[in-house]
């Protein structure tokens, strides 16, 4: 036993400089499909990653953390 955990992050749309190149009309159409009604932020992704690799998640393994605002309507 080595204490290694294997987890993954499955992000949806996250507002980044690259995402800013997506036409506003397309952004609005995508946001309308997200149950949370908005896009994720890099800070939210970083916070979740920080948790996943922290001692607080040391008993969590084999998980995929969904950072999409809810994929139910995609």
C-alpha atoms as a PDB file:
ATOM      1  CA  UNK A   1       0.000   0.000   0.000  1.00  0.00           C
ATOM      2  CA  UNK A   2       1.480   3.311  -1.105  1.00  0.00           C
ATOM      3  CA  UNK A   3      -1.309   5.780  -0.308  1.00  0.00           C
ATOM      4  CA  UNK A   4      -1.741   6.752  -3.940  1.00  0.00           C
ATOM      5  CA  UNK A   5      -5.184   7.972  -4.965  1.00  0.00           C
ATOM      6  CA  UNK A   6      -6.445   8.167  -8.522  1.00  0.00           C
ATOM      7  CA  UNK A   7      -9.121  10.763  -9.201  1.00  0.00           C
ATOM      8  CA  UNK A   8     -10.086  12.899 -12.164  1.00  0.00           C
ATOM      9  CA  UNK A   9     -11.634  16.266 -12.917  1.00  0.00           C
ATOM     10  CA  UNK A  10     -14.217  16.488 -15.720  1.00  0.00           C
ATOM     11  CA  UNK A  11     -14.693  20.186 -16.446  1.00  0.00           C
ATOM     12  CA  UNK A  12     -17.375  21.697 -18.588  1.00  0.00           C
ATOM     13  CA  UNK A  13     -17.049  25.216 -19.956  1.00  0.00           C
ATOM     14  CA  UNK A  14     -14.571  27.252 -17.939  1.00  0.00           C
ATOM     15  CA  UNK A  15     -14.052  30.937 -18.673  1.00  0.00           C
ATOM     16  CA  UNK A  16     -10.480  31.297 -19.955  1.00  0.00           C
ATOM     17  CA  UNK A  17      -8.822  33.613 -22.477  1.00  0.00           C
ATOM     18  CA  UNK A  18      -9.421  30.982 -25.185  1.00  0.00           C
ATOM     19  CA  UNK A  19     -13.115  30.810 -24.311  1.00  0.00           C
ATOM     20  CA  UNK A  20     -13.344  34.570 -24.874  1.00  0.00           C
ATOM     21  CA  UNK A  21     -12.863  33.846 -28.599  1.00  0.00           C
ATOM     22  CA  UNK A  22     -16.196  31.990 -28.733  1.00  0.00           C
ATOM     23  CA  UNK A  23     -18.888  34.263 -30.209  1.00  0.00           C
ATOM     24  CA  UNK A  24     -21.199  35.760 -27.571  1.00  0.00           C
ATOM     25  CA  UNK A  25     -24.267  34.225 -29.213  1.00  0.00           C
ATOM     26  CA  UNK A  26     -22.733  30.760 -28.915  1.00  0.00           C
ATOM     27  CA  UNK A  27     -21.715  31.446 -25.306  1.00  0.00           C
ATOM     28  CA  UNK A  28     -25.295  32.435 -24.475  1.00  0.00           C
ATOM     29  CA  UNK A  29     -26.668  29.289 -26.114  1.00  0.00           C
ATOM     30  CA  UNK A  30     -24.234  27.121 -24.147  1.00  0.00           C
ATOM     31  CA  UNK A  31     -24.944  28.913 -20.847  1.00  0.00           C
ATOM     32  CA  UNK A  32     -28.689  28.377 -21.363  1.00  0.00           C
ATOM     33  CA  UNK A  33     -28.097  24.610 -21.301  1.00  0.00           C
ATOM     34  CA  UNK A  34     -26.193  24.620 -18.006  1.00  0.00           C
ATOM     35  CA  UNK A  35     -28.445  24.044 -14.974  1.00  0.00           C
ATOM     36  CA  UNK A  36     -26.342  26.488 -12.890  1.00  0.00           C
ATOM     37  CA  UNK A  37     -26.871  29.086 -15.641  1.00  0.00           C
ATOM     38  CA  UNK A  38     -23.238  30.137 -15.952  1.00  0.00           C
ATOM     39  CA  UNK A  39     -19.754  28.958 -16.823  1.00  0.00           C
ATOM     40  CA  UNK A  40     -17.146  27.792 -14.356  1.00  0.00           C
ATOM     41  CA  UNK A  41     -14.120  29.818 -13.353  1.00  0.00           C
ATOM     42  CA  UNK A  42     -10.454  28.868 -13.181  1.00  0.00           C
ATOM     43  CA  UNK A  43     -10.603  29.591  -9.435  1.00  0.00           C
ATOM     44  CA  UNK A  44     -13.390  27.019  -9.019  1.00  0.00           C
ATOM     45  CA  UNK A  45     -11.369  24.433 -10.939  1.00  0.00           C
ATOM     46  CA  UNK A  46      -8.282  25.210  -8.863  1.00  0.00           C
ATOM     47  CA  UNK A  47     -10.228  24.884  -5.610  1.00  0.00           C
ATOM     48  CA  UNK A  48     -11.566  21.480  -6.590  1.00  0.00           C
ATOM     49  CA  UNK A  49      -8.135  20.284  -7.701  1.00  0.00           C
ATOM     50  CA  UNK A  50      -6.658  21.574  -4.440  1.00  0.00           C
ATOM     51  CA  UNK A  51      -9.212  19.478  -2.545  1.00  0.00           C
ATOM     52  CA  UNK A  52      -8.646  16.363  -4.655  1.00  0.00           C
ATOM     53  CA  UNK A  53      -4.891  16.376  -3.967  1.00  0.00           C
ATOM     54  CA  UNK A  54      -5.182  17.400  -0.303  1.00  0.00           C
ATOM     55  CA  UNK A  55      -5.089  15.202   2.797  1.00  0.00           C
ATOM     56  CA  UNK A  56      -8.814  15.970   3.204  1.00  0.00           C
ATOM     57  CA  UNK A  57      -9.460  13.693   0.202  1.00  0.00           C
ATOM     58  CA  UNK A  58      -7.010  10.983   1.250  1.00  0.00           C
ATOM     59  CA  UNK A  59      -9.776   8.363   1.486  1.00  0.00           C
ATOM     60  CA  UNK A  60     -11.250   9.284  -1.912  1.00  0.00           C
ATOM     61  CA  UNK A  61     -10.046   7.317  -4.913  1.00  0.00           C
ATOM     62  CA  UNK A  62     -11.470   6.218  -8.235  1.00  0.00           C
ATOM     63  CA  UNK A  63     -13.698   9.280  -8.481  1.00  0.00           C
ATOM     64  CA  UNK A  64     -14.484  11.635 -11.329  1.00  0.00           C
ATOM     65  CA  UNK A  65     -15.374  15.098 -10.062  1.00  0.00           C
ATOM     66  CA  UNK A  66     -17.850  16.828 -12.362  1.00  0.00           C
ATOM     67  CA  UNK A  67     -17.155  20.564 -12.711  1.00  0.00           C
ATOM     68  CA  UNK A  68     -19.788  21.388 -15.301  1.00  0.00           C
ATOM     69  CA  UNK A  69     -22.588  23.190 -13.492  1.00  0.00           C
ATOM     70  CA  UNK A  70     -24.707  20.128 -14.213  1.00  0.00           C
ATOM     71  CA  UNK A  71     -24.594  18.165 -17.452  1.00  0.00           C
ATOM     72  CA  UNK A  72     -28.231  17.136 -17.384  1.00  0.00           C
ATOM     73  CA  UNK A  73     -29.348  19.255 -20.347  1.00  0.00           C
ATOM     74  CA  UNK A  74     -26.351  18.892 -22.682  1.00  0.00           C
END
